[in-house]
Protein backbone atom coordinates (compact mmCIF):
# COMPACT_ATOMS: atom_id res chain seq x y z
CA MET A 1 3.07 -10.82 -5.23
CA CYS A 2 0.77 -10.24 -2.28
CA LYS A 3 -2.76 -8.89 -2.73
CA ALA A 4 -5.24 -7.54 -0.16
CA ASN A 5 -8.70 -6.00 -0.18
CA LEU A 6 -8.82 -2.93 2.06
CA LYS A 7 -11.50 -0.87 3.71
CA ILE A 8 -10.26 2.08 5.77
CA SER A 9 -12.54 4.66 7.35
CA HIS A 10 -11.73 7.80 9.29
CA ASN A 11 -13.79 10.93 10.03
CA ASN A 12 -16.59 9.81 7.68
CA TYR A 13 -14.14 9.32 4.79
CA LEU A 14 -13.87 5.82 3.37
CA PHE A 15 -11.22 4.18 1.20
CA ARG A 16 -11.97 0.81 -0.31
CA GLY A 17 -9.78 -0.92 -2.79
CA ILE A 18 -7.05 -3.41 -3.57
CA ILE A 19 -3.38 -3.15 -2.74
CA GLU A 20 -0.81 -5.37 -4.44
CA ILE A 21 2.77 -5.58 -3.20
CA LYS A 22 5.63 -7.21 -5.03
CA SER A 23 8.97 -7.15 -3.29
CA GLY A 24 12.42 -8.58 -3.83
CA ALA A 25 15.59 -8.42 -1.78
CA ALA A 26 16.28 -4.73 -2.45
CA LYS A 27 13.27 -3.19 -4.17
CA GLY A 28 9.54 -3.44 -4.57
CA ILE A 29 6.39 -2.06 -6.12
CA VAL A 30 2.95 -1.29 -4.68
CA ASN A 31 -0.16 -0.87 -6.82
CA ILE A 32 -3.20 0.75 -5.26
CA SER A 33 -6.60 0.74 -6.97
CA GLY A 34 -9.78 1.82 -5.29
CA PHE A 35 -12.23 4.53 -4.38
CA LEU A 36 -12.25 7.37 -1.88
CA VAL A 37 -15.76 8.14 -0.64
CA PHE A 38 -16.38 11.55 0.91
CA PRO A 39 -18.91 12.16 3.70
CA ASP A 40 -21.34 13.53 1.07
CA LYS A 41 -21.06 10.11 -0.71
CA LYS A 42 -19.15 11.47 -3.73
CA GLU A 43 -16.68 8.86 -5.00
CA TYR A 44 -13.23 9.53 -6.40
CA THR A 45 -10.88 7.06 -8.06
CA VAL A 46 -7.51 6.21 -6.50
CA GLN A 47 -5.04 4.54 -8.83
CA ARG A 48 -1.31 4.82 -8.21
CA THR A 49 1.94 2.89 -8.23
CA VAL A 50 4.71 3.28 -5.65
CA LEU A 51 8.26 2.18 -6.38
CA PHE A 52 10.32 1.55 -3.26
CA THR A 53 13.65 0.22 -2.05
CA ARG A 54 14.23 -2.12 0.87
CA SER A 55 17.26 -2.01 3.09
CA SER A 56 18.24 -2.97 6.60
CA TYR A 57 20.12 -1.11 9.26
CA GLY A 58 21.05 -3.83 11.71
CA VAL A 59 17.82 -5.61 12.52
CA SER A 60 15.63 -2.69 11.42
CA PRO A 61 14.17 -3.10 7.89
CA VAL A 62 13.53 0.19 6.07
CA TRP A 63 11.26 0.78 3.06
CA GLU A 64 11.76 4.02 1.14
CA SER A 65 9.24 5.12 -1.47
CA ASN A 66 11.27 6.58 -4.31
CA LYS A 67 8.70 7.31 -6.96
CA ILE A 68 4.93 7.69 -6.84
CA ILE A 69 3.21 7.36 -10.20
CA VAL A 70 -0.34 8.72 -10.16
CA SER A 71 -2.48 7.33 -12.97
CA ASN A 72 -4.34 9.70 -15.23
CA GLN A 73 -7.45 7.81 -14.04
CA GLU A 74 -7.02 9.04 -10.45
CA THR A 75 -9.54 11.72 -9.51
CA ALA A 76 -9.15 11.76 -5.71
CA PRO A 77 -7.86 15.06 -4.27
CA ALA A 78 -4.37 14.40 -2.85
CA GLU A 79 -5.05 16.30 0.37
CA SER A 80 -8.07 14.13 1.11
CA LEU A 81 -5.98 10.97 0.76
CA ARG A 82 -3.77 12.17 3.61
CA ASN A 83 -6.66 11.44 5.99
CA LEU A 84 -6.58 7.73 5.15
CA ILE A 85 -3.37 6.62 3.49
CA PRO A 86 0.16 6.80 4.96
CA ASP A 87 2.64 9.29 3.46
CA PHE A 88 4.66 6.35 2.08
CA TYR A 89 2.02 6.04 -0.70
CA LEU A 90 1.67 9.79 -1.29
CA GLN A 91 5.21 11.19 -1.40
CA SER A 92 8.81 10.02 -1.18
CA SER A 93 9.29 8.97 2.42
CA GLU A 94 10.63 6.22 4.65
CA VAL A 95 8.98 3.74 6.94
CA THR A 96 11.05 1.67 9.37
CA ASP A 97 10.70 -1.74 10.97
CA VAL A 98 8.62 -3.21 8.11
CA ASP A 99 8.74 -6.96 7.56
CA ILE A 100 6.93 -9.44 5.32
CA ILE A 101 6.33 -12.67 7.20
CA PRO A 102 5.18 -15.80 5.34
CA LEU A 103 2.33 -17.42 7.29
CA ASP A 104 1.70 -20.41 5.05
CA GLY A 105 1.91 -21.18 1.35
CA ASN A 106 -0.50 -18.41 0.38
CA ALA A 107 -0.67 -15.83 3.14
CA ARG A 108 1.70 -13.04 4.14
CA LEU A 109 1.62 -10.73 7.13
CA ILE A 110 3.19 -7.32 6.76
CA THR A 111 4.21 -5.88 10.11
CA LYS A 112 5.57 -2.55 11.33
CA ALA A 113 7.68 -2.81 14.47
CA GLY A 114 6.16 -6.24 15.03
CA VAL A 115 2.57 -4.99 14.93
CA PRO A 116 0.34 -6.49 12.20
CA TYR A 117 -0.17 -3.93 9.45
CA LEU A 118 -1.59 -5.82 6.46
CA TYR A 119 -2.67 -9.39 5.84
CA CYS A 120 -2.54 -10.43 2.21
CA ASN A 121 -2.67 -13.49 0.01
CA LYS A 122 0.03 -14.62 -2.35
CA HIS A 123 -1.09 -13.74 -5.83
CA THR A 124 0.34 -14.89 -9.13
CA LEU A 125 -0.31 -12.92 -12.29
CA THR A 126 -1.74 -15.10 -15.04
CA SER A 127 -2.39 -14.40 -18.67
CA ARG A 128 -5.90 -14.81 -20.01
C-alpha cells in the first residue's frame, strides 16, 4: 500500500486529504479521504473508494476505474470535485501510461507518461 498527503488548489477551491493506493498485478483500490474547501471557506467531506483494473497494451500501462463507492459520509458536491480531482476518481474511466516506480524501500513514484504524478510512502496496515 502507498499513502500520500495531498493538497490541490485551483480557482480558489482547495482539496486536502490522504490518498491510499493498493495495487497488484491486475487490479487495485484507491481510498480518498479529505476535505473540499470552497472559496467562501465552507468545508465538505470527501470520502470514496475506487476499484480499478490494471492492464498493459504493449508498453503502455492502462488503469481503468470500474467502480466508485461514495461513502455516506461524503458531503462534497460531485460537480465541484471535477475542478480538482481527475475523472478516474469520479466515474468509470481509463487513464493510460500509468506506472508505479519503487524509489527505495519505502517510497513510490506514480507517473503518467513518464511525468511524476504522485509521490507516496509505502504503508502497511497494522492492527491496534
